[in-house]
């Protein structure tokens, strides 16, 4: 059974930092892309960042580029999202997602077939 488990969310003041982790089990994503998405009530789930687990290729949403960094540790089967200079508009539930074997980096939600349960990030002004 494939599992993606996020952690690291919480409450932080604007300008602060958080690091999210996503630990995977049940299959390897070593030749696939993984990503982070976020969802705010009343809005569609939106792309945040993606990384290819073997190549290390990354891509970011324009709204987070320069503030967020996605990284991976293949030995630990974990990806991370370092979030700096957080803004109130970054408040959302953050989800980790994984593509099927061989999947390249993608910004499209529909390309990801494995999902975590989400972790809440709240940024106060």
C-alpha atoms as a PDB file:
ATOM      1  CA  UNK A   1       0.000   0.000   0.000  1.00  0.00           C
ATOM      2  CA  UNK A   2       1.435   3.332  -1.065  1.00  0.00           C
ATOM      3  CA  UNK A   3       1.468   5.992   1.608  1.00  0.00           C
ATOM      4  CA  UNK A   4       2.512   9.629   1.550  1.00  0.00           C
ATOM      5  CA  UNK A   5       2.589  11.275   4.958  1.00  0.00           C
ATOM      6  CA  UNK A   6       3.090  15.002   5.323  1.00  0.00           C
ATOM      7  CA  UNK A   7       4.339  16.732   8.451  1.00  0.00           C
ATOM      8  CA  UNK A   8       5.723  20.096   9.522  1.00  0.00           C
ATOM      9  CA  UNK A   9       2.702  22.327   9.135  1.00  0.00           C
ATOM     10  CA  UNK A  10       1.687  24.819  11.770  1.00  0.00           C
ATOM     11  CA  UNK A  11       1.057  28.445  12.654  1.00  0.00           C
ATOM     12  CA  UNK A  12       3.681  31.042  11.841  1.00  0.00           C
ATOM     13  CA  UNK A  13       3.822  34.812  11.609  1.00  0.00           C
ATOM     14  CA  UNK A  14       4.240  36.558   8.284  1.00  0.00           C
ATOM     15  CA  UNK A  15       7.893  36.601   7.308  1.00  0.00           C
ATOM     16  CA  UNK A  16       8.579  33.362   9.124  1.00  0.00           C
ATOM     17  CA  UNK A  17       9.601  29.956   7.844  1.00  0.00           C
ATOM     18  CA  UNK A  18       8.383  26.379   7.922  1.00  0.00           C
ATOM     19  CA  UNK A  19       9.705  23.157   6.455  1.00  0.00           C
ATOM     20  CA  UNK A  20       7.258  20.515   5.304  1.00  0.00           C
ATOM     21  CA  UNK A  21       8.235  16.876   4.927  1.00  0.00           C
ATOM     22  CA  UNK A  22       6.584  14.095   2.968  1.00  0.00           C
ATOM     23  CA  UNK A  23       7.642  10.570   3.816  1.00  0.00           C
ATOM     24  CA  UNK A  24       6.732   7.856   1.327  1.00  0.00           C
ATOM     25  CA  UNK A  25       6.351   4.111   1.712  1.00  0.00           C
ATOM     26  CA  UNK A  26       4.977   1.174  -0.209  1.00  0.00           C
ATOM     27  CA  UNK A  27       6.758   1.939  -3.484  1.00  0.00           C
ATOM     28  CA  UNK A  28       9.729   3.833  -4.762  1.00  0.00           C
ATOM     29  CA  UNK A  29       9.414   7.154  -6.533  1.00  0.00           C
ATOM     30  CA  UNK A  30      13.085   7.172  -7.493  1.00  0.00           C
ATOM     31  CA  UNK A  31      12.313   7.524 -11.204  1.00  0.00           C
ATOM     32  CA  UNK A  32       9.257   9.735 -10.877  1.00  0.00           C
ATOM     33  CA  UNK A  33       8.333  13.283 -10.105  1.00  0.00           C
ATOM     34  CA  UNK A  34       6.779  14.352  -6.859  1.00  0.00           C
ATOM     35  CA  UNK A  35       5.151  17.622  -6.014  1.00  0.00           C
ATOM     36  CA  UNK A  36       3.502  19.893  -3.533  1.00  0.00           C
ATOM     37  CA  UNK A  37       0.050  21.368  -4.014  1.00  0.00           C
ATOM     38  CA  UNK A  38      -2.085  23.504  -1.729  1.00  0.00           C
ATOM     39  CA  UNK A  39      -5.759  24.107  -1.200  1.00  0.00           C
ATOM     40  CA  UNK A  40      -7.651  27.008   0.298  1.00  0.00           C
ATOM     41  CA  UNK A  41     -11.427  26.774   0.918  1.00  0.00           C
ATOM     42  CA  UNK A  42     -13.321  28.212  -1.998  1.00  0.00           C
ATOM     43  CA  UNK A  43     -10.443  27.758  -4.410  1.00  0.00           C
ATOM     44  CA  UNK A  44      -9.159  24.921  -6.522  1.00  0.00           C
ATOM     45  CA  UNK A  45      -6.147  22.944  -5.383  1.00  0.00           C
ATOM     46  CA  UNK A  46      -3.137  24.660  -6.906  1.00  0.00           C
ATOM     47  CA  UNK A  47       0.352  23.648  -7.891  1.00  0.00           C
ATOM     48  CA  UNK A  48       3.223  24.825  -5.685  1.00  0.00           C
ATOM     49  CA  UNK A  49       6.408  22.965  -6.662  1.00  0.00           C
ATOM     50  CA  UNK A  50       7.635  19.762  -8.249  1.00  0.00           C
ATOM     51  CA  UNK A  51      10.874  17.800  -8.327  1.00  0.00           C
ATOM     52  CA  UNK A  52      12.095  14.779 -10.261  1.00  0.00           C
ATOM     53  CA  UNK A  53      13.450  12.331  -7.741  1.00  0.00           C
ATOM     54  CA  UNK A  54      16.312  11.068  -9.914  1.00  0.00           C
ATOM     55  CA  UNK A  55      17.235  14.077 -12.051  1.00  0.00           C
ATOM     56  CA  UNK A  56      16.607  16.708  -9.390  1.00  0.00           C
ATOM     57  CA  UNK A  57      14.791  18.940 -11.871  1.00  0.00           C
ATOM     58  CA  UNK A  58      12.559  21.442 -10.100  1.00  0.00           C
ATOM     59  CA  UNK A  59       9.810  23.824 -11.094  1.00  0.00           C
ATOM     60  CA  UNK A  60       7.850  26.333  -9.018  1.00  0.00           C
ATOM     61  CA  UNK A  61       4.653  28.292  -9.162  1.00  0.00           C
ATOM     62  CA  UNK A  62       5.366  31.930  -9.813  1.00  0.00           C
ATOM     63  CA  UNK A  63       3.742  32.910  -6.529  1.00  0.00           C
ATOM     64  CA  UNK A  64       6.337  30.990  -4.478  1.00  0.00           C
ATOM     65  CA  UNK A  65       9.453  31.148  -6.636  1.00  0.00           C
ATOM     66  CA  UNK A  66      12.352  32.620  -4.715  1.00  0.00           C
ATOM     67  CA  UNK A  67      10.703  31.925  -1.356  1.00  0.00           C
ATOM     68  CA  UNK A  68      10.075  28.152  -1.424  1.00  0.00           C
ATOM     69  CA  UNK A  69      12.563  25.387  -2.126  1.00  0.00           C
ATOM     70  CA  UNK A  70      11.661  21.787  -2.899  1.00  0.00           C
ATOM     71  CA  UNK A  71      14.248  19.082  -2.252  1.00  0.00           C
ATOM     72  CA  UNK A  72      14.484  15.336  -1.889  1.00  0.00           C
ATOM     73  CA  UNK A  73      16.343  12.655   0.021  1.00  0.00           C
ATOM     74  CA  UNK A  74      16.071   9.436  -1.943  1.00  0.00           C
ATOM     75  CA  UNK A  75      17.663   7.368   0.803  1.00  0.00           C
ATOM     76  CA  UNK A  76      14.900   8.456   3.167  1.00  0.00           C
ATOM     77  CA  UNK A  77      12.225   8.389   0.455  1.00  0.00           C
ATOM     78  CA  UNK A  78      11.257  11.866   1.558  1.00  0.00           C
ATOM     79  CA  UNK A  79      10.691  15.201  -0.090  1.00  0.00           C
ATOM     80  CA  UNK A  80      10.746  18.567   1.586  1.00  0.00           C
ATOM     81  CA  UNK A  81       9.345  22.020   1.043  1.00  0.00           C
ATOM     82  CA  UNK A  82      11.303  24.786   2.714  1.00  0.00           C
ATOM     83  CA  UNK A  83       9.060  27.837   2.922  1.00  0.00           C
ATOM     84  CA  UNK A  84      10.643  31.196   3.745  1.00  0.00           C
ATOM     85  CA  UNK A  85       9.238  34.709   3.952  1.00  0.00           C
ATOM     86  CA  UNK A  86       5.759  33.294   4.379  1.00  0.00           C
ATOM     87  CA  UNK A  87       2.784  35.483   3.599  1.00  0.00           C
ATOM     88  CA  UNK A  88      -0.827  35.280   4.818  1.00  0.00           C
ATOM     89  CA  UNK A  89      -1.847  34.248   1.302  1.00  0.00           C
ATOM     90  CA  UNK A  90       0.282  31.110   1.709  1.00  0.00           C
ATOM     91  CA  UNK A  91      -2.249  29.865   4.277  1.00  0.00           C
ATOM     92  CA  UNK A  92      -3.614  26.550   2.984  1.00  0.00           C
ATOM     93  CA  UNK A  93      -3.617  22.811   3.412  1.00  0.00           C
ATOM     94  CA  UNK A  94      -0.472  21.538   1.712  1.00  0.00           C
ATOM     95  CA  UNK A  95      -0.526  18.169  -0.028  1.00  0.00           C
ATOM     96  CA  UNK A  96       2.307  15.970  -1.180  1.00  0.00           C
ATOM     97  CA  UNK A  97       1.747  14.059  -4.423  1.00  0.00           C
ATOM     98  CA  UNK A  98       3.543  11.476  -6.513  1.00  0.00           C
ATOM     99  CA  UNK A  99       3.436  10.505 -10.171  1.00  0.00           C
ATOM    100  CA  UNK A 100       3.476   7.019 -11.554  1.00  0.00           C
ATOM    101  CA  UNK A 101       6.747   5.370 -12.569  1.00  0.00           C
ATOM    102  CA  UNK A 102       8.633   7.440 -15.130  1.00  0.00           C
ATOM    103  CA  UNK A 103       6.484  10.522 -14.736  1.00  0.00           C
ATOM    104  CA  UNK A 104       8.299  13.786 -15.373  1.00  0.00           C
ATOM    105  CA  UNK A 105       7.835  17.047 -13.516  1.00  0.00           C
ATOM    106  CA  UNK A 106       4.365  18.452 -14.024  1.00  0.00           C
ATOM    107  CA  UNK A 107       2.242  21.332 -12.775  1.00  0.00           C
ATOM    108  CA  UNK A 108      -0.995  19.484 -13.482  1.00  0.00           C
ATOM    109  CA  UNK A 109      -2.898  18.011 -10.555  1.00  0.00           C
ATOM    110  CA  UNK A 110      -4.359  15.265 -12.756  1.00  0.00           C
ATOM    111  CA  UNK A 111      -0.873  13.889 -13.526  1.00  0.00           C
ATOM    112  CA  UNK A 112      -0.364  12.850  -9.897  1.00  0.00           C
ATOM    113  CA  UNK A 113      -1.983   9.639  -8.728  1.00  0.00           C
ATOM    114  CA  UNK A 114      -0.687   9.310  -5.170  1.00  0.00           C
ATOM    115  CA  UNK A 115      -1.664  11.847  -2.526  1.00  0.00           C
ATOM    116  CA  UNK A 116      -1.024  12.484   1.130  1.00  0.00           C
ATOM    117  CA  UNK A 117      -3.624  13.545   3.651  1.00  0.00           C
ATOM    118  CA  UNK A 118      -2.408  17.139   3.849  1.00  0.00           C
ATOM    119  CA  UNK A 119      -0.914  19.380   6.505  1.00  0.00           C
ATOM    120  CA  UNK A 120      -2.281  22.783   7.528  1.00  0.00           C
ATOM    121  CA  UNK A 121      -0.114  25.867   7.183  1.00  0.00           C
ATOM    122  CA  UNK A 122      -1.460  29.070   8.701  1.00  0.00           C
ATOM    123  CA  UNK A 123       0.361  32.383   8.315  1.00  0.00           C
ATOM    124  CA  UNK A 124      -0.809  35.217  10.526  1.00  0.00           C
ATOM    125  CA  UNK A 125      -0.390  38.862   9.584  1.00  0.00           C
END
